[in-house]
Amino acid sequence: MFWSKRLIRFGERLIKENSGWANLFFPVSVIWGVIVKTKNWLYDWGIFRAQKIDRLVISIGNVVAGGTG
């Protein structure tokens, strides 16, 4: 939760300062948002299905951003 609030504040600051970074990343964020919403919709409607396996799964998280703690 802590990092998400910091990211939101960072994004708001970029937009207020009208920096080139905000202009660069805004179209990318819109495209990414559409992709994620479409994927979620496909799972919600049963077009994509979660697969179950008979093995133990250990989820580490996003190691690049520091993992899950």
C-alpha atoms as a PDB file:
ATOM      1  CA  MET A   1       0.000   0.000   0.000  1.00  0.00           C
ATOM      2  CA  PHE A   2       2.821   2.364   0.843  1.00  0.00           C
ATOM      3  CA  TRP A   3       4.405   2.132  -2.607  1.00  0.00           C
ATOM      4  CA  SER A   4       1.120   2.589  -4.467  1.00  0.00           C
ATOM      5  CA  LYS A   5       0.432   5.861  -2.659  1.00  0.00           C
ATOM      6  CA  ARG A   6       3.952   7.063  -3.420  1.00  0.00           C
ATOM      7  CA  LEU A   7       3.528   6.169  -7.088  1.00  0.00           C
ATOM      8  CA  ILE A   8       0.220   8.021  -7.277  1.00  0.00           C
ATOM      9  CA  ARG A   9       1.777  11.126  -5.710  1.00  0.00           C
ATOM     10  CA  PHE A  10       4.733  10.849  -8.090  1.00  0.00           C
ATOM     11  CA  GLY A  11       2.381  10.614 -11.080  1.00  0.00           C
ATOM     12  CA  GLU A  12       0.350  13.580  -9.884  1.00  0.00           C
ATOM     13  CA  ARG A  13       3.522  15.613  -9.480  1.00  0.00           C
ATOM     14  CA  LEU A  14       4.660  14.717 -12.996  1.00  0.00           C
ATOM     15  CA  ILE A  15       1.325  15.809 -14.431  1.00  0.00           C
ATOM     16  CA  LYS A  16       1.284  19.078 -12.469  1.00  0.00           C
ATOM     17  CA  GLU A  17       4.807  19.929 -13.570  1.00  0.00           C
ATOM     18  CA  ASN A  18       3.806  19.121 -17.170  1.00  0.00           C
ATOM     19  CA  SER A  19       7.059  17.268 -17.660  1.00  0.00           C
ATOM     20  CA  GLY A  20       8.015  15.374 -20.762  1.00  0.00           C
ATOM     21  CA  TRP A  21       7.924  12.119 -18.812  1.00  0.00           C
ATOM     22  CA  ALA A  22       4.202  12.411 -18.172  1.00  0.00           C
ATOM     23  CA  ASN A  23       3.584  13.140 -21.838  1.00  0.00           C
ATOM     24  CA  LEU A  24       5.733  10.162 -22.796  1.00  0.00           C
ATOM     25  CA  PHE A  25       4.190   7.627 -20.429  1.00  0.00           C
ATOM     26  CA  PHE A  26       0.518   8.632 -20.605  1.00  0.00           C
ATOM     27  CA  PRO A  27      -0.186   6.874 -23.943  1.00  0.00           C
ATOM     28  CA  VAL A  28       1.689   3.802 -22.710  1.00  0.00           C
ATOM     29  CA  SER A  29      -0.384   3.723 -19.524  1.00  0.00           C
ATOM     30  CA  VAL A  30      -3.629   3.973 -21.495  1.00  0.00           C
ATOM     31  CA  ILE A  31      -2.608   1.073 -23.747  1.00  0.00           C
ATOM     32  CA  TRP A  32      -1.505  -0.992 -20.727  1.00  0.00           C
ATOM     33  CA  GLY A  33      -4.790  -0.249 -18.951  1.00  0.00           C
ATOM     34  CA  VAL A  34      -6.788  -1.466 -21.954  1.00  0.00           C
ATOM     35  CA  ILE A  35      -4.728  -4.656 -22.122  1.00  0.00           C
ATOM     36  CA  VAL A  36      -5.202  -5.406 -18.412  1.00  0.00           C
ATOM     37  CA  LYS A  37      -8.938  -4.637 -18.445  1.00  0.00           C
ATOM     38  CA  THR A  38      -9.388  -6.835 -21.525  1.00  0.00           C
ATOM     39  CA  LYS A  39      -7.496  -9.709 -19.873  1.00  0.00           C
ATOM     40  CA  ASN A  40      -9.622  -9.386 -16.718  1.00  0.00           C
ATOM     41  CA  TRP A  41     -12.800  -9.294 -18.793  1.00  0.00           C
ATOM     42  CA  LEU A  42     -11.746 -12.463 -20.626  1.00  0.00           C
ATOM     43  CA  TYR A  43     -11.231 -14.244 -17.288  1.00  0.00           C
ATOM     44  CA  ASP A  44     -14.531 -12.909 -15.914  1.00  0.00           C
ATOM     45  CA  TRP A  45     -16.452 -14.223 -18.914  1.00  0.00           C
ATOM     46  CA  GLY A  46     -14.736 -17.619 -18.826  1.00  0.00           C
ATOM     47  CA  ILE A  47     -12.917 -17.224 -22.136  1.00  0.00           C
ATOM     48  CA  PHE A  48      -9.594 -17.535 -20.284  1.00  0.00           C
ATOM     49  CA  ARG A  49      -9.446 -20.064 -17.481  1.00  0.00           C
ATOM     50  CA  ALA A  50      -7.010 -20.510 -14.645  1.00  0.00           C
ATOM     51  CA  GLN A  51      -5.063 -23.730 -14.912  1.00  0.00           C
ATOM     52  CA  LYS A  52      -4.541 -25.996 -11.950  1.00  0.00           C
ATOM     53  CA  ILE A  53      -1.424 -28.087 -11.640  1.00  0.00           C
ATOM     54  CA  ASP A  54      -0.559 -30.888  -9.250  1.00  0.00           C
ATOM     55  CA  ARG A  55       2.641 -29.245  -8.021  1.00  0.00           C
ATOM     56  CA  LEU A  56       3.528 -26.778  -5.285  1.00  0.00           C
ATOM     57  CA  VAL A  57       3.720 -23.208  -6.583  1.00  0.00           C
ATOM     58  CA  ILE A  58       5.776 -20.544  -4.829  1.00  0.00           C
ATOM     59  CA  SER A  59       4.991 -17.026  -5.989  1.00  0.00           C
ATOM     60  CA  ILE A  60       7.813 -14.563  -5.443  1.00  0.00           C
ATOM     61  CA  GLY A  61       6.274 -11.413  -6.885  1.00  0.00           C
ATOM     62  CA  ASN A  62       7.969  -8.680  -8.812  1.00  0.00           C
ATOM     63  CA  VAL A  63      11.624  -9.228  -7.997  1.00  0.00           C
ATOM     64  CA  VAL A  64      12.684  -6.189 -10.043  1.00  0.00           C
ATOM     65  CA  ALA A  65      10.615  -3.904  -7.792  1.00  0.00           C
ATOM     66  CA  GLY A  66      11.807  -5.532  -4.581  1.00  0.00           C
ATOM     67  CA  GLY A  67       9.643  -8.630  -4.265  1.00  0.00           C
ATOM     68  CA  THR A  68       6.720  -9.046  -1.929  1.00  0.00           C
ATOM     69  CA  GLY A  69       8.630  -8.611   1.306  1.00  0.00           C
END
